[in-house]
Amino acid sequence: MQNALKRATVIGDGAMGTVCAILLADHGTRVEVWSAFDEQAEMFERARENTRFLPGVPLPDAVHVTRDAGVALADSELVVSAVPCQYTRSVWEAIRASYSGNVPVVSVTKGIEIDTLCCPTDIISQVLGEDVPVVALSGPSIAAEVARALPATVVVAGTDPEVTVLAQRAFNTGAFRVYTNEDLIGVELAGATKNIIALAAGIVDGVEAGDNAKAALLTRGLVEITRLGVAMGAQASTFKGLAGIGDLVTTCISPSSRNRTAGERIGRGMSMKETVDSTPSVIEGIPTTESVLELATRHRVEMPITSAVYSVLHGHRTPSQAIDELMTRQLKHE
């Protein structure tokens, strides 16, 4: 079914924001991308590609970039929020005056805010108002592959069926298949927590612990993030789907995964600070690890892998020590 949107907005100029603009433009929608940075916006328009985060991928003619939030949001029928989680609140507070009406917002951000432990859709609702329809799009979607029109399948989740279907139709293309889901908390938690397991997977790669160790890590990692999700009201089945195991596998094995790559560097001896400084994009799994541990404490959920990742990130354990501690935990039934 063809998308009927004439105009849409993407808030954020990273790789995923750029890919979302390309997908929306595939249906003939005019897309305004809002950038927080003058230099980045000028580069976009001059080069007609995102040379920093998605080089070599041309922008469709229907995609335009601006620093003016008023221009970006004018007459928009759908807004995509593609801002890193820890900046989502400040960005939306800064541009809130330019947003009007109850235009649906699709969040493609993965993470949990450190200070509040809020998921991205909660942050947006708190800033714009609870009446604004907000949904989350998540799943295995490495930006560079989606930009090349390689096959990918994701899920859009929300509590309003009409809005989830609207987002589904807006993004669905021949190479990008979108399912709907009503488990918003589960989809967002899955998207946030899989980045922690991806950091762990990278650490396993960095210390060359082997494929058996990595398979065990993914399996047991899925168990603990599901345990947290269920304790917070999510459906266990969500973690067996695209937003859960689908995204988990992709993020843990892809060379393009920022979180897996960051973990590998740490496994090879880099400090957390050195790793962050050497990576142009935000490594969402690092702050999310702290947030998830706080959630685990609040909900009395045991998360040994997450705890081990936190201890390595903050220099309390070496990668080898953390692996040894996980391997020598008390024996139990699976």
Protein backbone atom coordinates (compact mmCIF):
# COMPACT_ATOMS: atom_id res chain seq x y z
CA MET A 1 0.00 0.00 0.00
CA GLN A 2 1.41 3.38 -0.95
CA ASN A 3 2.27 5.93 1.69
CA ALA A 4 0.12 9.08 1.59
CA LEU A 5 2.45 11.37 3.54
CA LYS A 6 3.42 14.55 1.74
CA ARG A 7 5.87 15.91 4.29
CA ALA A 8 7.86 14.41 7.18
CA THR A 9 10.59 15.54 9.55
CA VAL A 10 13.65 13.77 10.93
CA ILE A 11 15.17 15.20 14.10
CA GLY A 12 18.83 14.18 14.11
CA ASP A 13 21.55 13.93 11.47
CA GLY A 14 23.24 10.64 12.35
CA ALA A 15 23.35 7.48 10.27
CA MET A 16 19.95 6.20 11.39
CA GLY A 17 18.29 9.57 10.93
CA THR A 18 19.69 9.76 7.42
CA VAL A 19 18.47 6.24 6.61
CA CYS A 20 14.99 7.10 7.90
CA ALA A 21 14.91 10.13 5.61
CA ILE A 22 15.88 7.96 2.66
CA LEU A 23 13.20 5.39 3.47
CA LEU A 24 10.49 8.04 3.79
CA ALA A 25 11.58 9.70 0.55
CA ASP A 26 11.27 6.35 -1.21
CA HIS A 27 7.50 6.90 -1.10
CA GLY A 28 7.74 10.40 -2.54
CA THR A 29 7.52 12.16 0.83
CA ARG A 30 9.41 15.43 1.16
CA VAL A 31 11.66 15.08 4.19
CA GLU A 32 13.25 17.86 6.21
CA VAL A 33 16.18 16.69 8.34
CA TRP A 34 16.93 18.92 11.34
CA SER A 35 20.58 19.13 12.37
CA ALA A 36 21.86 20.71 15.58
CA PHE A 37 25.08 21.75 13.87
CA ASP A 38 25.59 24.41 11.19
CA GLU A 39 28.63 22.70 9.68
CA GLN A 40 26.86 19.34 9.43
CA ALA A 41 23.77 20.85 7.83
CA GLU A 42 25.87 22.74 5.28
CA MET A 43 27.87 19.61 4.48
CA PHE A 44 24.68 17.63 3.91
CA GLU A 45 23.30 20.11 1.43
CA ARG A 46 26.60 20.76 -0.32
CA ALA A 47 27.69 17.14 -0.72
CA ARG A 48 24.15 15.70 -0.93
CA GLU A 49 25.26 12.89 1.36
CA ASN A 50 26.08 12.36 5.04
CA THR A 51 29.85 12.28 4.59
CA ARG A 52 30.47 11.89 8.33
CA PHE A 53 28.16 9.03 9.27
CA LEU A 54 27.00 7.49 5.98
CA PRO A 55 29.55 8.31 3.26
CA GLY A 56 28.90 7.23 -0.29
CA VAL A 57 25.12 7.15 0.05
CA PRO A 58 23.47 9.93 -2.01
CA LEU A 59 20.50 11.79 -0.58
CA PRO A 60 17.31 11.63 -2.64
CA ASP A 61 16.16 14.93 -4.13
CA ALA A 62 13.19 14.91 -1.73
CA VAL A 63 15.49 15.12 1.33
CA HIS A 64 16.60 18.52 2.62
CA VAL A 65 18.62 19.52 5.69
CA THR A 66 18.15 22.60 7.87
CA ARG A 67 19.27 24.07 11.18
CA ASP A 68 15.93 25.82 11.56
CA ALA A 69 13.51 23.70 13.64
CA GLY A 70 10.59 25.85 12.51
CA VAL A 71 11.33 25.09 8.87
CA ALA A 72 11.93 21.40 9.62
CA LEU A 73 8.64 20.92 11.47
CA ALA A 74 6.39 23.15 9.37
CA ASP A 75 3.40 21.22 7.96
CA SER A 76 4.97 17.92 8.96
CA GLU A 77 2.66 14.88 9.07
CA LEU A 78 5.14 12.57 10.80
CA VAL A 79 8.21 13.30 12.91
CA VAL A 80 11.11 10.90 13.44
CA SER A 81 13.21 11.31 16.57
CA ALA A 82 16.72 10.03 15.81
CA VAL A 83 18.70 11.69 18.61
CA PRO A 84 20.98 9.71 20.97
CA CYS A 85 19.11 8.82 24.14
CA GLN A 86 21.12 10.93 26.57
CA TYR A 87 20.46 14.03 24.39
CA THR A 88 16.82 13.35 23.50
CA ARG A 89 15.34 15.42 26.32
CA SER A 90 17.54 18.49 25.80
CA VAL A 91 17.03 18.48 22.02
CA TRP A 92 13.24 18.21 22.26
CA GLU A 93 13.12 20.89 24.94
CA ALA A 94 15.12 23.15 22.63
CA ILE A 95 12.82 22.68 19.63
CA ARG A 96 9.52 22.17 21.46
CA ALA A 97 8.23 25.64 20.54
CA SER A 98 8.41 24.69 16.84
CA TYR A 99 6.31 21.55 17.30
CA SER A 100 2.56 22.06 17.04
CA GLY A 101 -0.53 19.93 17.01
CA ASN A 102 -0.48 16.22 17.72
CA VAL A 103 1.77 15.12 14.88
CA PRO A 104 2.82 11.49 15.48
CA VAL A 105 6.43 10.93 16.54
CA VAL A 106 8.41 7.79 15.67
CA SER A 107 11.40 7.21 17.93
CA VAL A 108 14.30 5.20 16.49
CA THR A 109 16.52 5.86 19.52
CA LYS A 110 17.80 2.95 21.60
CA GLY A 111 18.79 3.53 25.20
CA ILE A 112 17.64 4.49 28.68
CA GLU A 113 18.14 7.96 30.16
CA ILE A 114 20.57 7.81 33.08
CA ASP A 115 19.01 10.41 35.38
CA THR A 116 15.38 9.32 35.01
CA LEU A 117 15.61 5.71 33.73
CA CYS A 118 13.10 6.72 31.03
CA CYS A 119 12.88 5.09 27.61
CA PRO A 120 13.01 7.45 24.60
CA THR A 121 9.24 7.50 23.98
CA ASP A 122 8.65 8.40 27.63
CA ILE A 123 11.09 11.31 27.34
CA ILE A 124 9.34 12.64 24.24
CA SER A 125 5.91 12.32 25.88
CA GLN A 126 7.10 14.18 28.96
CA VAL A 127 8.44 17.06 26.86
CA LEU A 128 5.65 17.32 24.26
CA GLY A 129 2.71 16.14 26.34
CA GLU A 130 1.06 12.82 27.02
CA ASP A 131 -1.52 13.39 24.28
CA VAL A 132 1.12 13.30 21.53
CA PRO A 133 1.12 9.87 19.85
CA VAL A 134 4.61 8.35 20.10
CA VAL A 135 5.75 4.97 18.80
CA ALA A 136 9.09 3.16 18.61
CA LEU A 137 10.70 1.60 15.55
CA SER A 138 13.35 -1.00 16.36
CA GLY A 139 14.95 -4.20 15.15
CA PRO A 140 18.04 -5.43 13.28
CA SER A 141 18.79 -2.44 11.05
CA ILE A 142 22.48 -1.68 10.50
CA ALA A 143 22.23 1.73 8.84
CA ALA A 144 24.80 1.16 6.10
CA GLU A 145 23.01 -2.02 4.97
CA VAL A 146 19.57 -0.41 4.96
CA ALA A 147 20.98 2.50 2.97
CA ARG A 148 22.19 0.01 0.34
CA ALA A 149 18.68 -1.46 0.15
CA LEU A 150 19.81 -4.82 1.55
CA PRO A 151 16.88 -6.77 3.05
CA ALA A 152 15.96 -5.84 6.62
CA THR A 153 12.94 -6.43 8.84
CA VAL A 154 11.94 -4.37 11.88
CA VAL A 155 8.99 -3.71 14.15
CA VAL A 156 7.11 -0.55 15.10
CA ALA A 157 5.46 -0.60 18.52
CA GLY A 158 2.91 1.62 20.19
CA THR A 159 -0.34 1.74 22.08
CA ASP A 160 -2.31 3.44 19.28
CA PRO A 161 -3.00 0.96 16.44
CA GLU A 162 -3.72 3.71 13.91
CA VAL A 163 -0.39 5.41 14.53
CA THR A 164 1.60 2.18 14.42
CA VAL A 165 0.00 1.32 11.08
CA LEU A 166 0.71 4.86 9.83
CA ALA A 167 4.40 4.42 10.71
CA GLN A 168 4.43 0.92 9.24
CA ARG A 169 3.19 2.18 5.88
CA ALA A 170 5.46 5.22 5.93
CA PHE A 171 8.63 3.17 6.32
CA ASN A 172 7.84 -0.11 4.60
CA THR A 173 9.62 -0.59 1.26
CA GLY A 174 10.50 -3.52 -0.96
CA ALA A 175 13.70 -4.09 1.01
CA PHE A 176 12.62 -2.81 4.43
CA ARG A 177 9.73 -4.79 5.90
CA VAL A 178 7.93 -3.39 8.94
CA TYR A 179 5.75 -5.36 11.37
CA THR A 180 3.54 -3.84 14.08
CA ASN A 181 3.59 -4.68 17.80
CA GLU A 182 1.70 -3.38 20.84
CA ASP A 183 4.43 -4.12 23.42
CA LEU A 184 6.07 -0.69 23.51
CA ILE A 185 8.01 -1.20 26.75
CA GLY A 186 9.30 -4.57 25.57
CA VAL A 187 10.48 -3.27 22.20
CA GLU A 188 12.27 -0.29 23.75
CA LEU A 189 13.87 -2.33 26.54
CA ALA A 190 15.03 -4.95 24.05
CA GLY A 191 16.60 -2.28 21.86
CA ALA A 192 18.40 -0.70 24.80
CA THR A 193 19.63 -3.80 26.61
CA LYS A 194 20.95 -5.62 23.54
CA ASN A 195 23.65 -2.95 23.29
CA ILE A 196 25.02 -4.06 26.65
CA ILE A 197 25.25 -7.66 25.48
CA ALA A 198 26.90 -6.40 22.28
CA LEU A 199 29.57 -4.68 24.36
CA ALA A 200 30.14 -8.01 26.11
CA ALA A 201 30.28 -9.81 22.74
CA GLY A 202 32.93 -7.38 21.57
CA ILE A 203 34.93 -7.94 24.74
CA VAL A 204 34.78 -11.70 24.07
CA ASP A 205 36.07 -11.02 20.55
CA GLY A 206 38.78 -8.74 21.89
CA VAL A 207 40.20 -11.33 24.28
CA GLU A 208 39.72 -14.06 21.65
CA ALA A 209 37.62 -16.22 23.96
CA GLY A 210 36.11 -18.08 21.01
CA ASP A 211 32.80 -18.75 19.33
CA ASN A 212 31.54 -21.10 22.05
CA ALA A 213 31.91 -18.32 24.60
CA LYS A 214 30.14 -15.85 22.32
CA ALA A 215 27.23 -18.24 21.71
CA ALA A 216 26.86 -18.76 25.46
CA LEU A 217 27.00 -15.02 26.01
CA LEU A 218 24.20 -14.29 23.52
CA THR A 219 22.05 -17.08 24.93
CA ARG A 220 22.45 -16.16 28.58
CA GLY A 221 22.34 -12.46 27.74
CA LEU A 222 18.93 -12.93 26.14
CA VAL A 223 17.77 -14.69 29.30
CA GLU A 224 18.71 -11.83 31.59
CA ILE A 225 17.38 -9.01 29.46
CA THR A 226 14.11 -10.92 29.06
CA ARG A 227 13.97 -11.37 32.83
CA LEU A 228 14.23 -7.61 33.32
CA GLY A 229 11.65 -6.91 30.62
CA VAL A 230 9.07 -9.24 32.13
CA ALA A 231 9.64 -7.74 35.59
CA MET A 232 8.88 -4.33 34.08
CA GLY A 233 5.67 -5.46 32.39
CA ALA A 234 6.93 -6.46 28.93
CA GLN A 235 5.92 -9.60 27.09
CA ALA A 236 8.52 -12.38 27.05
CA SER A 237 7.63 -13.11 23.41
CA THR A 238 8.90 -9.68 22.37
CA PHE A 239 12.44 -10.72 23.27
CA LYS A 240 12.13 -13.74 20.98
CA GLY A 241 11.21 -11.48 18.05
CA LEU A 242 12.84 -8.89 15.81
CA ALA A 243 13.36 -6.27 18.51
CA GLY A 244 14.85 -8.90 20.82
CA ILE A 245 16.90 -11.77 19.51
CA GLY A 246 16.87 -10.36 15.96
CA ASP A 247 18.54 -7.10 16.94
CA LEU A 248 20.70 -8.87 19.53
CA VAL A 249 22.28 -11.21 16.98
CA THR A 250 22.93 -8.46 14.45
CA THR A 251 24.48 -6.10 16.99
CA CYS A 252 26.66 -8.83 18.51
CA ILE A 253 28.13 -10.14 15.23
CA SER A 254 28.23 -7.21 12.81
CA PRO A 255 31.58 -5.50 12.18
CA SER A 256 29.52 -2.33 11.68
CA SER A 257 28.06 -2.46 15.20
CA ARG A 258 29.39 0.46 17.25
CA ASN A 259 28.76 -1.31 20.55
CA ARG A 260 30.38 -4.60 19.52
CA THR A 261 33.36 -2.75 18.07
CA ALA A 262 33.71 -0.66 21.23
CA GLY A 263 33.66 -3.84 23.33
CA GLU A 264 36.35 -5.39 21.15
CA ARG A 265 38.62 -2.39 21.66
CA ILE A 266 38.09 -2.60 25.41
CA GLY A 267 38.80 -6.33 25.28
CA ARG A 268 42.11 -5.55 23.60
CA GLY A 269 43.12 -3.14 26.34
CA MET A 270 41.61 0.26 25.55
CA SER A 271 39.98 2.13 28.43
CA MET A 272 36.37 3.19 28.23
CA LYS A 273 37.40 6.83 27.78
CA GLU A 274 39.86 6.00 25.02
CA THR A 275 37.19 3.96 23.27
CA VAL A 276 34.60 6.73 23.46
CA ASP A 277 37.12 9.34 22.27
CA SER A 278 38.08 7.18 19.27
CA THR A 279 34.48 6.68 18.11
CA PRO A 280 32.68 9.49 16.20
CA SER A 281 29.21 8.11 16.97
CA VAL A 282 27.60 7.71 20.38
CA ILE A 283 28.10 4.27 21.97
CA GLU A 284 24.66 3.95 23.56
CA GLY A 285 25.47 0.75 25.43
CA ILE A 286 27.93 2.47 27.76
CA PRO A 287 25.52 4.83 29.58
CA THR A 288 22.72 2.27 29.20
CA THR A 289 24.71 -0.24 31.27
CA GLU A 290 24.49 2.06 34.29
CA SER A 291 20.78 2.71 33.73
CA VAL A 292 19.93 -0.97 33.36
CA LEU A 293 21.80 -1.93 36.51
CA GLU A 294 19.71 0.62 38.41
CA LEU A 295 16.54 -0.83 36.90
CA ALA A 296 17.69 -4.33 37.83
CA THR A 297 18.19 -3.23 41.42
CA ARG A 298 14.76 -1.58 41.56
CA HIS A 299 13.02 -4.65 40.16
CA ARG A 300 15.20 -7.16 42.02
CA VAL A 301 16.39 -8.85 38.84
CA GLU A 302 19.73 -10.67 38.66
CA MET A 303 21.79 -9.53 35.65
CA PRO A 304 25.30 -11.00 35.97
CA ILE A 305 26.45 -10.21 32.42
CA THR A 306 25.35 -6.60 32.69
CA SER A 307 27.13 -6.33 36.05
CA ALA A 308 30.27 -7.82 34.53
CA VAL A 309 30.20 -5.35 31.62
CA TYR A 310 29.82 -2.44 34.03
CA SER A 311 32.78 -3.66 36.11
CA VAL A 312 34.98 -3.88 33.01
CA LEU A 313 33.89 -0.50 31.63
CA HIS A 314 34.75 1.24 34.89
CA GLY A 315 38.02 -0.59 35.49
CA HIS A 316 36.86 -2.68 38.45
CA ARG A 317 37.70 -5.91 36.61
CA THR A 318 39.82 -6.87 33.64
CA PRO A 319 37.94 -8.62 30.84
CA SER A 320 39.59 -11.92 31.77
CA GLN A 321 38.64 -11.53 35.44
CA ALA A 322 35.03 -10.77 34.53
CA ILE A 323 34.82 -13.84 32.27
CA ASP A 324 36.36 -16.03 34.96
CA GLU A 325 33.82 -14.80 37.52
CA LEU A 326 30.92 -15.53 35.18
CA MET A 327 32.26 -19.01 34.44
CA THR A 328 32.73 -19.91 38.12
CA ARG A 329 29.34 -18.75 39.39
CA GLN A 330 27.36 -21.29 41.39
CA LEU A 331 26.07 -24.14 39.24
CA LYS A 332 22.32 -24.13 38.60
CA HIS A 333 19.56 -25.49 36.37
CA GLU A 334 19.24 -23.72 33.01
